[in-house]
């Protein structure tokens, strides 16, 4: 069994234990699980300097986009209804530096960490963002305004 797959299984188990079935109601628990996932990826890719730390400015940018995506079904990625990019939202929130973003949209109210991790782990752009050793800060937000649309946004940052 490849090491990457074993790492994914361990990460999924950790995240599912952290998230539980009611994770959509507890953003701190979800944020902690995503940060744990990013830390494990950093370790796997040989990063030094420790895991990314939760940044309130990036969390604000993640919240803005998560709510925007949840409220606008035509959105399915990084660009907001106002045309904003992850960098623009991070700057508007007060963060100075480079950023990347991962967005997860699910059509259920309750979800498992496995579904979230599979999308981010097996998508090369999402994996690149989460595993980038230069991103030392992170903000995570989840929301579900309708029973059939849950959105999770993680913004990864490298402060100036």
C-alpha atoms as a PDB file:
ATOM      1  CA  UNK A   1       0.000   0.000   0.000  1.00  0.00           C
ATOM      2  CA  UNK A   2       1.539   3.371  -0.989  1.00  0.00           C
ATOM      3  CA  UNK A   3       2.637   5.689   1.817  1.00  0.00           C
ATOM      4  CA  UNK A   4       0.440   8.517   0.506  1.00  0.00           C
ATOM      5  CA  UNK A   5      -2.659   6.315   0.778  1.00  0.00           C
ATOM      6  CA  UNK A   6      -1.748   5.213   4.307  1.00  0.00           C
ATOM      7  CA  UNK A   7      -1.227   8.839   5.296  1.00  0.00           C
ATOM      8  CA  UNK A   8      -4.642   9.681   3.864  1.00  0.00           C
ATOM      9  CA  UNK A   9      -6.277   6.915   5.909  1.00  0.00           C
ATOM     10  CA  UNK A  10      -4.604   8.086   9.129  1.00  0.00           C
ATOM     11  CA  UNK A  11      -5.535  11.705   8.357  1.00  0.00           C
ATOM     12  CA  UNK A  12      -9.130  10.761   7.577  1.00  0.00           C
ATOM     13  CA  UNK A  13      -9.422   8.799  10.800  1.00  0.00           C
ATOM     14  CA  UNK A  14      -8.074  11.737  12.787  1.00  0.00           C
ATOM     15  CA  UNK A  15     -10.340  14.206  11.056  1.00  0.00           C
ATOM     16  CA  UNK A  16     -13.457  12.061  11.391  1.00  0.00           C
ATOM     17  CA  UNK A  17     -12.759  11.634  15.089  1.00  0.00           C
ATOM     18  CA  UNK A  18     -12.339  15.398  15.369  1.00  0.00           C
ATOM     19  CA  UNK A  19     -15.356  16.288  13.269  1.00  0.00           C
ATOM     20  CA  UNK A  20     -18.016  13.851  14.336  1.00  0.00           C
ATOM     21  CA  UNK A  21     -21.467  13.812  12.754  1.00  0.00           C
ATOM     22  CA  UNK A  22     -22.396  17.350  13.828  1.00  0.00           C
ATOM     23  CA  UNK A  23     -19.250  19.101  12.588  1.00  0.00           C
ATOM     24  CA  UNK A  24     -21.141  21.593  10.460  1.00  0.00           C
ATOM     25  CA  UNK A  25     -22.398  23.242  13.649  1.00  0.00           C
ATOM     26  CA  UNK A  26     -18.982  23.679  15.244  1.00  0.00           C
ATOM     27  CA  UNK A  27     -16.563  25.657  13.097  1.00  0.00           C
ATOM     28  CA  UNK A  28     -13.720  25.442  15.640  1.00  0.00           C
ATOM     29  CA  UNK A  29     -13.759  21.660  15.529  1.00  0.00           C
ATOM     30  CA  UNK A  30     -13.791  21.663  11.755  1.00  0.00           C
ATOM     31  CA  UNK A  31     -11.021  24.285  11.577  1.00  0.00           C
ATOM     32  CA  UNK A  32      -8.928  22.224  13.971  1.00  0.00           C
ATOM     33  CA  UNK A  33      -9.442  19.134  11.786  1.00  0.00           C
ATOM     34  CA  UNK A  34      -8.425  20.972   8.615  1.00  0.00           C
ATOM     35  CA  UNK A  35      -5.378  22.421  10.388  1.00  0.00           C
ATOM     36  CA  UNK A  36      -4.450  18.907  11.527  1.00  0.00           C
ATOM     37  CA  UNK A  37      -4.748  17.716   7.927  1.00  0.00           C
ATOM     38  CA  UNK A  38      -2.537  20.575   6.689  1.00  0.00           C
ATOM     39  CA  UNK A  39       0.015  19.829   9.434  1.00  0.00           C
ATOM     40  CA  UNK A  40       0.161  16.163   8.417  1.00  0.00           C
ATOM     41  CA  UNK A  41       0.676  17.160   4.794  1.00  0.00           C
ATOM     42  CA  UNK A  42       3.429  19.577   5.799  1.00  0.00           C
ATOM     43  CA  UNK A  43       5.126  16.785   7.706  1.00  0.00           C
ATOM     44  CA  UNK A  44       4.733  14.359   4.807  1.00  0.00           C
ATOM     45  CA  UNK A  45       6.292  16.828   2.388  1.00  0.00           C
ATOM     46  CA  UNK A  46       9.252  17.532   4.687  1.00  0.00           C
ATOM     47  CA  UNK A  47       8.279  21.007   5.843  1.00  0.00           C
ATOM     48  CA  UNK A  48      10.099  22.422   8.840  1.00  0.00           C
ATOM     49  CA  UNK A  49       8.844  25.136  11.136  1.00  0.00           C
ATOM     50  CA  UNK A  50       5.701  23.480  12.435  1.00  0.00           C
ATOM     51  CA  UNK A  51       2.110  23.338  11.254  1.00  0.00           C
ATOM     52  CA  UNK A  52       0.170  26.312   9.927  1.00  0.00           C
ATOM     53  CA  UNK A  53      -1.436  28.348  12.695  1.00  0.00           C
ATOM     54  CA  UNK A  54      -4.984  29.655  12.717  1.00  0.00           C
ATOM     55  CA  UNK A  55      -5.043  33.281  11.595  1.00  0.00           C
ATOM     56  CA  UNK A  56      -8.165  35.359  12.393  1.00  0.00           C
ATOM     57  CA  UNK A  57      -7.713  37.532   9.292  1.00  0.00           C
ATOM     58  CA  UNK A  58      -7.596  34.504   6.994  1.00  0.00           C
ATOM     59  CA  UNK A  59     -10.522  33.028   8.908  1.00  0.00           C
ATOM     60  CA  UNK A  60     -12.501  36.204   8.168  1.00  0.00           C
ATOM     61  CA  UNK A  61     -11.652  35.923   4.457  1.00  0.00           C
ATOM     62  CA  UNK A  62     -12.659  32.236   4.505  1.00  0.00           C
ATOM     63  CA  UNK A  63     -15.958  33.123   6.213  1.00  0.00           C
ATOM     64  CA  UNK A  64     -16.776  35.800   3.635  1.00  0.00           C
ATOM     65  CA  UNK A  65     -16.264  33.408   0.762  1.00  0.00           C
ATOM     66  CA  UNK A  66     -17.996  30.449   2.420  1.00  0.00           C
ATOM     67  CA  UNK A  67     -21.116  32.533   3.042  1.00  0.00           C
ATOM     68  CA  UNK A  68     -20.974  33.958  -0.490  1.00  0.00           C
ATOM     69  CA  UNK A  69     -20.717  30.482  -2.042  1.00  0.00           C
ATOM     70  CA  UNK A  70     -23.438  29.088   0.230  1.00  0.00           C
ATOM     71  CA  UNK A  71     -25.816  31.893  -0.756  1.00  0.00           C
ATOM     72  CA  UNK A  72     -25.062  31.847  -4.486  1.00  0.00           C
ATOM     73  CA  UNK A  73     -25.478  28.496  -6.169  1.00  0.00           C
ATOM     74  CA  UNK A  74     -23.810  29.713  -9.338  1.00  0.00           C
ATOM     75  CA  UNK A  75     -20.494  29.857  -7.460  1.00  0.00           C
ATOM     76  CA  UNK A  76     -18.354  26.749  -7.278  1.00  0.00           C
ATOM     77  CA  UNK A  77     -14.778  27.920  -6.795  1.00  0.00           C
ATOM     78  CA  UNK A  78     -12.459  30.728  -5.773  1.00  0.00           C
ATOM     79  CA  UNK A  79     -14.123  33.731  -7.436  1.00  0.00           C
ATOM     80  CA  UNK A  80     -16.795  35.553  -5.431  1.00  0.00           C
ATOM     81  CA  UNK A  81     -20.034  37.069  -6.704  1.00  0.00           C
ATOM     82  CA  UNK A  82     -18.286  40.439  -6.754  1.00  0.00           C
ATOM     83  CA  UNK A  83     -15.413  39.008  -8.819  1.00  0.00           C
ATOM     84  CA  UNK A  84     -13.072  38.939  -5.817  1.00  0.00           C
ATOM     85  CA  UNK A  85     -10.183  36.488  -5.630  1.00  0.00           C
ATOM     86  CA  UNK A  86      -8.780  34.775  -2.526  1.00  0.00           C
ATOM     87  CA  UNK A  87      -5.963  37.346  -2.431  1.00  0.00           C
ATOM     88  CA  UNK A  88      -8.364  40.290  -2.629  1.00  0.00           C
ATOM     89  CA  UNK A  89     -10.552  38.892   0.151  1.00  0.00           C
ATOM     90  CA  UNK A  90      -7.505  38.228   2.350  1.00  0.00           C
ATOM     91  CA  UNK A  91      -6.244  41.769   1.759  1.00  0.00           C
ATOM     92  CA  UNK A  92      -9.694  43.196   2.536  1.00  0.00           C
ATOM     93  CA  UNK A  93      -9.639  41.231   5.784  1.00  0.00           C
ATOM     94  CA  UNK A  94      -6.286  42.836   6.649  1.00  0.00           C
ATOM     95  CA  UNK A  95      -3.930  39.956   5.791  1.00  0.00           C
ATOM     96  CA  UNK A  96      -0.734  40.935   4.008  1.00  0.00           C
ATOM     97  CA  UNK A  97       1.043  38.232   2.073  1.00  0.00           C
ATOM     98  CA  UNK A  98       0.474  35.441  -0.435  1.00  0.00           C
ATOM     99  CA  UNK A  99      -2.547  33.157  -0.203  1.00  0.00           C
ATOM    100  CA  UNK A 100      -4.116  30.080  -1.730  1.00  0.00           C
ATOM    101  CA  UNK A 101      -7.589  28.680  -1.143  1.00  0.00           C
ATOM    102  CA  UNK A 102      -9.467  25.403  -1.180  1.00  0.00           C
ATOM    103  CA  UNK A 103     -13.253  25.281  -1.483  1.00  0.00           C
ATOM    104  CA  UNK A 104     -15.454  22.262  -0.805  1.00  0.00           C
ATOM    105  CA  UNK A 105     -19.156  22.190  -1.636  1.00  0.00           C
ATOM    106  CA  UNK A 106     -21.391  19.306  -0.652  1.00  0.00           C
ATOM    107  CA  UNK A 107     -25.092  18.803  -1.243  1.00  0.00           C
ATOM    108  CA  UNK A 108     -25.810  17.548   2.271  1.00  0.00           C
ATOM    109  CA  UNK A 109     -26.289  19.140   5.657  1.00  0.00           C
ATOM    110  CA  UNK A 110     -24.092  16.625   7.460  1.00  0.00           C
ATOM    111  CA  UNK A 111     -20.904  15.320   5.911  1.00  0.00           C
ATOM    112  CA  UNK A 112     -17.923  13.222   6.789  1.00  0.00           C
ATOM    113  CA  UNK A 113     -14.339  14.355   6.899  1.00  0.00           C
ATOM    114  CA  UNK A 114     -13.550  11.580   4.425  1.00  0.00           C
ATOM    115  CA  UNK A 115     -15.495  13.344   1.666  1.00  0.00           C
ATOM    116  CA  UNK A 116     -13.739  16.635   2.352  1.00  0.00           C
ATOM    117  CA  UNK A 117     -10.272  15.099   2.475  1.00  0.00           C
ATOM    118  CA  UNK A 118     -10.784  13.019  -0.654  1.00  0.00           C
ATOM    119  CA  UNK A 119     -11.619  16.122  -2.655  1.00  0.00           C
ATOM    120  CA  UNK A 120      -8.697  18.146  -1.321  1.00  0.00           C
ATOM    121  CA  UNK A 121      -6.176  15.298  -1.310  1.00  0.00           C
ATOM    122  CA  UNK A 122      -6.871  13.993  -4.794  1.00  0.00           C
ATOM    123  CA  UNK A 123      -7.148  17.407  -6.464  1.00  0.00           C
ATOM    124  CA  UNK A 124      -3.642  18.539  -7.418  1.00  0.00           C
ATOM    125  CA  UNK A 125      -4.307  22.274  -6.936  1.00  0.00           C
ATOM    126  CA  UNK A 126      -5.926  21.727  -3.522  1.00  0.00           C
ATOM    127  CA  UNK A 127      -3.156  19.373  -2.415  1.00  0.00           C
ATOM    128  CA  UNK A 128      -0.521  21.858  -3.572  1.00  0.00           C
ATOM    129  CA  UNK A 129      -2.152  24.637  -1.533  1.00  0.00           C
ATOM    130  CA  UNK A 130      -2.567  22.562   1.627  1.00  0.00           C
ATOM    131  CA  UNK A 131       0.931  21.060   1.467  1.00  0.00           C
ATOM    132  CA  UNK A 132       2.848  24.237   0.556  1.00  0.00           C
ATOM    133  CA  UNK A 133       5.510  24.624   3.251  1.00  0.00           C
ATOM    134  CA  UNK A 134       5.596  28.402   2.817  1.00  0.00           C
ATOM    135  CA  UNK A 135       1.984  28.762   3.976  1.00  0.00           C
ATOM    136  CA  UNK A 136       2.358  29.115   7.740  1.00  0.00           C
ATOM    137  CA  UNK A 137      -1.085  30.578   8.463  1.00  0.00           C
ATOM    138  CA  UNK A 138      -4.575  29.253   7.772  1.00  0.00           C
ATOM    139  CA  UNK A 139      -8.184  30.332   8.111  1.00  0.00           C
ATOM    140  CA  UNK A 140     -11.106  27.918   7.836  1.00  0.00           C
ATOM    141  CA  UNK A 141     -14.864  28.458   7.734  1.00  0.00           C
ATOM    142  CA  UNK A 142     -17.859  26.244   7.074  1.00  0.00           C
ATOM    143  CA  UNK A 143     -21.463  27.161   6.580  1.00  0.00           C
ATOM    144  CA  UNK A 144     -24.735  25.722   5.374  1.00  0.00           C
ATOM    145  CA  UNK A 145     -27.584  28.128   4.787  1.00  0.00           C
ATOM    146  CA  UNK A 146     -29.698  25.461   3.132  1.00  0.00           C
ATOM    147  CA  UNK A 147     -30.065  21.821   4.048  1.00  0.00           C
ATOM    148  CA  UNK A 148     -28.667  20.798   0.670  1.00  0.00           C
ATOM    149  CA  UNK A 149     -25.553  23.021   0.433  1.00  0.00           C
ATOM    150  CA  UNK A 150     -22.615  22.879   2.810  1.00  0.00           C
ATOM    151  CA  UNK A 151     -19.514  24.925   2.025  1.00  0.00           C
ATOM    152  CA  UNK A 152     -16.043  24.671   3.591  1.00  0.00           C
ATOM    153  CA  UNK A 153     -13.351  27.202   2.671  1.00  0.00           C
ATOM    154  CA  UNK A 154      -9.724  27.087   3.802  1.00  0.00           C
ATOM    155  CA  UNK A 155      -7.407  30.018   3.059  1.00  0.00           C
ATOM    156  CA  UNK A 156      -3.682  29.294   3.402  1.00  0.00           C
ATOM    157  CA  UNK A 157      -1.302  32.228   3.866  1.00  0.00           C
ATOM    158  CA  UNK A 158       2.330  33.262   3.849  1.00  0.00           C
ATOM    159  CA  UNK A 159       2.570  36.530   5.816  1.00  0.00           C
ATOM    160  CA  UNK A 160       4.864  39.251   4.489  1.00  0.00           C
END
